[in-house]
Structure formats: structure tokens, C-alpha cells
């Protein structure tokens, strides 16, 4: 039986917290920043947290053997 592998695309984009939630960085921070307000950019600095079924799906993709 082959081993299950970690989903490498998700590994680059998400991190699992100690309580099982998934963290990810915000979109729209790559370029064209001069057209965005300082308040908007300030809010985009924070990582977002995913909870619920989506967090479970992400956790399963990142920890396939458990």
C-alpha cells in the first residue's frame, strides 16, 4: 500500500494552529499597493483563521497519516 502524501500546494498556503484551526495569509498584498488605502493595507497584514469543516479538510491534507 503506498503512503499518503502531504498536499504540497496546501502546505505552502496554510498553517495549522495548536487548536486545529487553519491560518492563511491575505490576498491582494502582492502588487498595486499604491492604489490601496493605508487602512486597507493595515488590515491585510493580519493572517486569517479558518474554522469548521474547511479547517478539518485542510488539516487532513496536511497531516495525511493521522
N, C-alpha and C. Protein backbone atom coordinates (compact mmCIF):
# COMPACT_ATOMS: atom_id res chain seq x y z
N UNK A 1 0.84 -1.18 0.00
CA UNK A 1 0.00 0.00 0.00
C UNK A 1 0.89 1.24 0.00
N UNK A 2 0.69 2.16 -0.94
CA UNK A 2 1.53 3.36 -0.95
C UNK A 2 1.19 4.30 0.19
N UNK A 3 2.17 5.11 0.56
CA UNK A 3 1.96 6.07 1.63
C UNK A 3 1.14 7.25 1.12
N UNK A 4 0.36 7.84 2.02
CA UNK A 4 -0.34 9.07 1.68
C UNK A 4 0.64 10.22 1.79
N UNK A 5 0.50 11.18 0.91
CA UNK A 5 1.44 12.29 0.89
C UNK A 5 0.76 13.59 1.27
N UNK A 6 1.55 14.49 1.85
CA UNK A 6 1.07 15.82 2.18
C UNK A 6 0.77 16.58 0.89
N UNK A 7 -0.31 17.34 0.88
CA UNK A 7 -0.66 18.15 -0.28
C UNK A 7 0.26 19.37 -0.29
N UNK A 8 1.21 19.40 -1.23
CA UNK A 8 2.25 20.42 -1.22
C UNK A 8 1.71 21.82 -1.50
N UNK A 9 0.65 21.93 -2.30
CA UNK A 9 0.06 23.23 -2.56
C UNK A 9 -0.56 23.83 -1.31
N UNK A 10 -1.20 22.99 -0.52
CA UNK A 10 -1.79 23.46 0.74
C UNK A 10 -0.72 23.74 1.78
N UNK A 11 0.36 22.97 1.73
CA UNK A 11 1.43 23.17 2.70
C UNK A 11 2.05 24.55 2.55
N UNK A 12 2.09 25.07 1.31
CA UNK A 12 2.66 26.38 1.06
C UNK A 12 1.73 27.51 1.51
N UNK A 13 0.44 27.24 1.59
CA UNK A 13 -0.54 28.30 1.80
C UNK A 13 -1.16 28.33 3.20
N UNK A 14 -1.13 27.22 3.91
CA UNK A 14 -1.81 27.13 5.20
C UNK A 14 -0.88 26.64 6.28
N UNK A 15 -1.21 27.02 7.52
CA UNK A 15 -0.51 26.50 8.69
C UNK A 15 -1.56 26.15 9.72
N UNK A 16 -1.41 25.01 10.38
CA UNK A 16 -2.37 24.57 11.38
C UNK A 16 -1.92 25.09 12.75
N UNK A 17 -2.85 25.72 13.47
CA UNK A 17 -2.54 26.22 14.81
C UNK A 17 -2.61 25.07 15.81
N UNK A 18 -2.24 25.34 17.03
CA UNK A 18 -2.25 24.31 18.06
C UNK A 18 -3.64 23.81 18.39
N UNK A 19 -4.65 24.64 18.16
CA UNK A 19 -6.02 24.24 18.47
C UNK A 19 -6.74 23.63 17.27
N UNK A 20 -6.01 23.45 16.15
CA UNK A 20 -6.60 22.79 14.99
C UNK A 20 -7.21 23.72 13.95
N UNK A 21 -7.06 25.02 14.15
CA UNK A 21 -7.57 25.97 13.16
C UNK A 21 -6.51 26.13 12.05
N UNK A 22 -6.94 26.62 10.90
CA UNK A 22 -6.02 26.83 9.79
C UNK A 22 -5.81 28.33 9.60
N UNK A 23 -4.54 28.74 9.47
CA UNK A 23 -4.20 30.13 9.22
C UNK A 23 -3.75 30.27 7.78
N UNK A 24 -4.05 31.44 7.18
CA UNK A 24 -3.55 31.73 5.85
C UNK A 24 -3.34 33.23 5.70
N UNK A 25 -2.47 33.59 4.79
CA UNK A 25 -2.20 35.00 4.53
C UNK A 25 -3.26 35.55 3.60
N UNK A 26 -3.48 36.86 3.71
CA UNK A 26 -4.48 37.52 2.89
C UNK A 26 -4.01 37.67 1.45
N UNK A 27 -4.97 37.70 0.55
CA UNK A 27 -4.70 38.00 -0.84
C UNK A 27 -4.62 39.52 -1.02
N UNK A 28 -4.28 39.96 -2.20
CA UNK A 28 -4.23 41.39 -2.58
C UNK A 28 -3.11 42.16 -1.87
N UNK A 29 -2.02 41.48 -1.53
CA UNK A 29 -0.88 42.16 -0.92
C UNK A 29 0.36 42.10 -1.80
N UNK A 30 0.24 41.61 -3.02
CA UNK A 30 1.41 41.38 -3.86
C UNK A 30 1.88 42.60 -4.63
N UNK A 31 0.98 43.32 -5.24
CA UNK A 31 1.38 44.44 -6.08
C UNK A 31 0.21 45.41 -6.18
N UNK A 32 0.46 46.53 -6.87
CA UNK A 32 -0.52 47.62 -6.99
C UNK A 32 -0.95 48.13 -5.62
N UNK A 33 0.02 48.30 -4.74
CA UNK A 33 -0.30 48.71 -3.37
C UNK A 33 -0.53 50.22 -3.25
N UNK A 34 -0.06 51.00 -4.22
CA UNK A 34 -0.24 52.45 -4.11
C UNK A 34 -1.69 52.86 -4.29
N UNK A 35 -2.49 52.02 -4.93
CA UNK A 35 -3.90 52.35 -5.13
C UNK A 35 -4.77 51.93 -3.96
N UNK A 36 -4.20 51.21 -3.00
CA UNK A 36 -4.95 50.78 -1.82
C UNK A 36 -4.67 51.74 -0.67
N UNK A 37 -5.68 51.96 0.16
CA UNK A 37 -5.51 52.88 1.27
C UNK A 37 -4.64 52.24 2.35
N UNK A 38 -4.06 53.08 3.19
CA UNK A 38 -3.22 52.60 4.29
C UNK A 38 -4.04 51.75 5.25
N UNK A 39 -5.29 52.13 5.47
CA UNK A 39 -6.16 51.37 6.37
C UNK A 39 -6.42 49.97 5.83
N UNK A 40 -6.63 49.90 4.52
CA UNK A 40 -6.88 48.60 3.89
C UNK A 40 -5.65 47.71 3.94
N UNK A 41 -4.47 48.29 3.68
CA UNK A 41 -3.24 47.51 3.73
C UNK A 41 -2.92 47.05 5.14
N UNK A 42 -3.24 47.89 6.11
CA UNK A 42 -3.03 47.54 7.51
C UNK A 42 -3.84 46.30 7.89
N UNK A 43 -5.09 46.26 7.42
CA UNK A 43 -5.94 45.10 7.70
C UNK A 43 -5.49 43.85 7.00
N UNK A 44 -4.86 44.00 5.85
CA UNK A 44 -4.40 42.84 5.09
C UNK A 44 -3.14 42.21 5.67
N UNK A 45 -2.51 42.88 6.63
CA UNK A 45 -1.31 42.31 7.25
C UNK A 45 -1.63 41.11 8.14
N UNK A 46 -2.82 41.12 8.70
CA UNK A 46 -3.19 40.06 9.64
C UNK A 46 -3.48 38.76 8.91
N UNK A 47 -3.11 37.63 9.53
CA UNK A 47 -3.46 36.32 8.99
C UNK A 47 -4.93 36.03 9.31
N UNK A 48 -5.60 35.40 8.37
CA UNK A 48 -6.98 34.99 8.61
C UNK A 48 -7.01 33.58 9.16
N UNK A 49 -8.03 33.28 9.95
CA UNK A 49 -8.18 31.97 10.56
C UNK A 49 -9.42 31.31 9.98
N UNK A 50 -9.27 30.05 9.59
CA UNK A 50 -10.38 29.27 9.06
C UNK A 50 -10.78 28.26 10.14
N UNK A 51 -12.07 28.16 10.39
CA UNK A 51 -12.56 27.19 11.37
C UNK A 51 -13.59 26.30 10.69
N UNK A 52 -14.06 25.31 11.41
CA UNK A 52 -15.14 24.47 10.90
C UNK A 52 -14.66 23.38 9.97
N UNK A 53 -15.53 22.99 9.04
CA UNK A 53 -15.25 21.87 8.16
C UNK A 53 -14.08 22.14 7.21
N UNK A 54 -13.95 23.39 6.77
CA UNK A 54 -12.84 23.71 5.89
C UNK A 54 -11.50 23.51 6.59
N UNK A 55 -11.43 23.86 7.87
CA UNK A 55 -10.20 23.67 8.63
C UNK A 55 -9.88 22.19 8.78
N UNK A 56 -10.90 21.36 8.96
CA UNK A 56 -10.70 19.92 9.06
C UNK A 56 -10.16 19.36 7.75
N UNK A 57 -10.72 19.82 6.63
CA UNK A 57 -10.27 19.36 5.31
C UNK A 57 -8.81 19.74 5.09
N UNK A 58 -8.44 20.96 5.46
CA UNK A 58 -7.06 21.42 5.29
C UNK A 58 -6.13 20.61 6.19
N UNK A 59 -6.54 20.38 7.43
CA UNK A 59 -5.71 19.62 8.36
C UNK A 59 -5.48 18.20 7.87
N UNK A 60 -6.51 17.59 7.28
CA UNK A 60 -6.36 16.24 6.75
C UNK A 60 -5.40 16.20 5.58
N UNK A 61 -5.40 17.24 4.76
CA UNK A 61 -4.48 17.28 3.62
C UNK A 61 -3.05 17.49 4.06
N UNK A 62 -2.87 18.19 5.19
CA UNK A 62 -1.51 18.48 5.67
C UNK A 62 -0.96 17.39 6.58
N UNK A 63 -1.83 16.61 7.20
CA UNK A 63 -1.39 15.50 8.06
C UNK A 63 -2.07 14.23 7.60
N UNK A 64 -1.64 13.66 6.48
CA UNK A 64 -2.38 12.54 5.89
C UNK A 64 -2.33 11.26 6.69
N UNK A 65 -1.30 11.05 7.49
CA UNK A 65 -1.16 9.78 8.18
C UNK A 65 -1.93 9.69 9.48
N UNK A 66 -2.58 10.78 9.88
CA UNK A 66 -3.23 10.79 11.20
C UNK A 66 -4.71 10.90 11.10
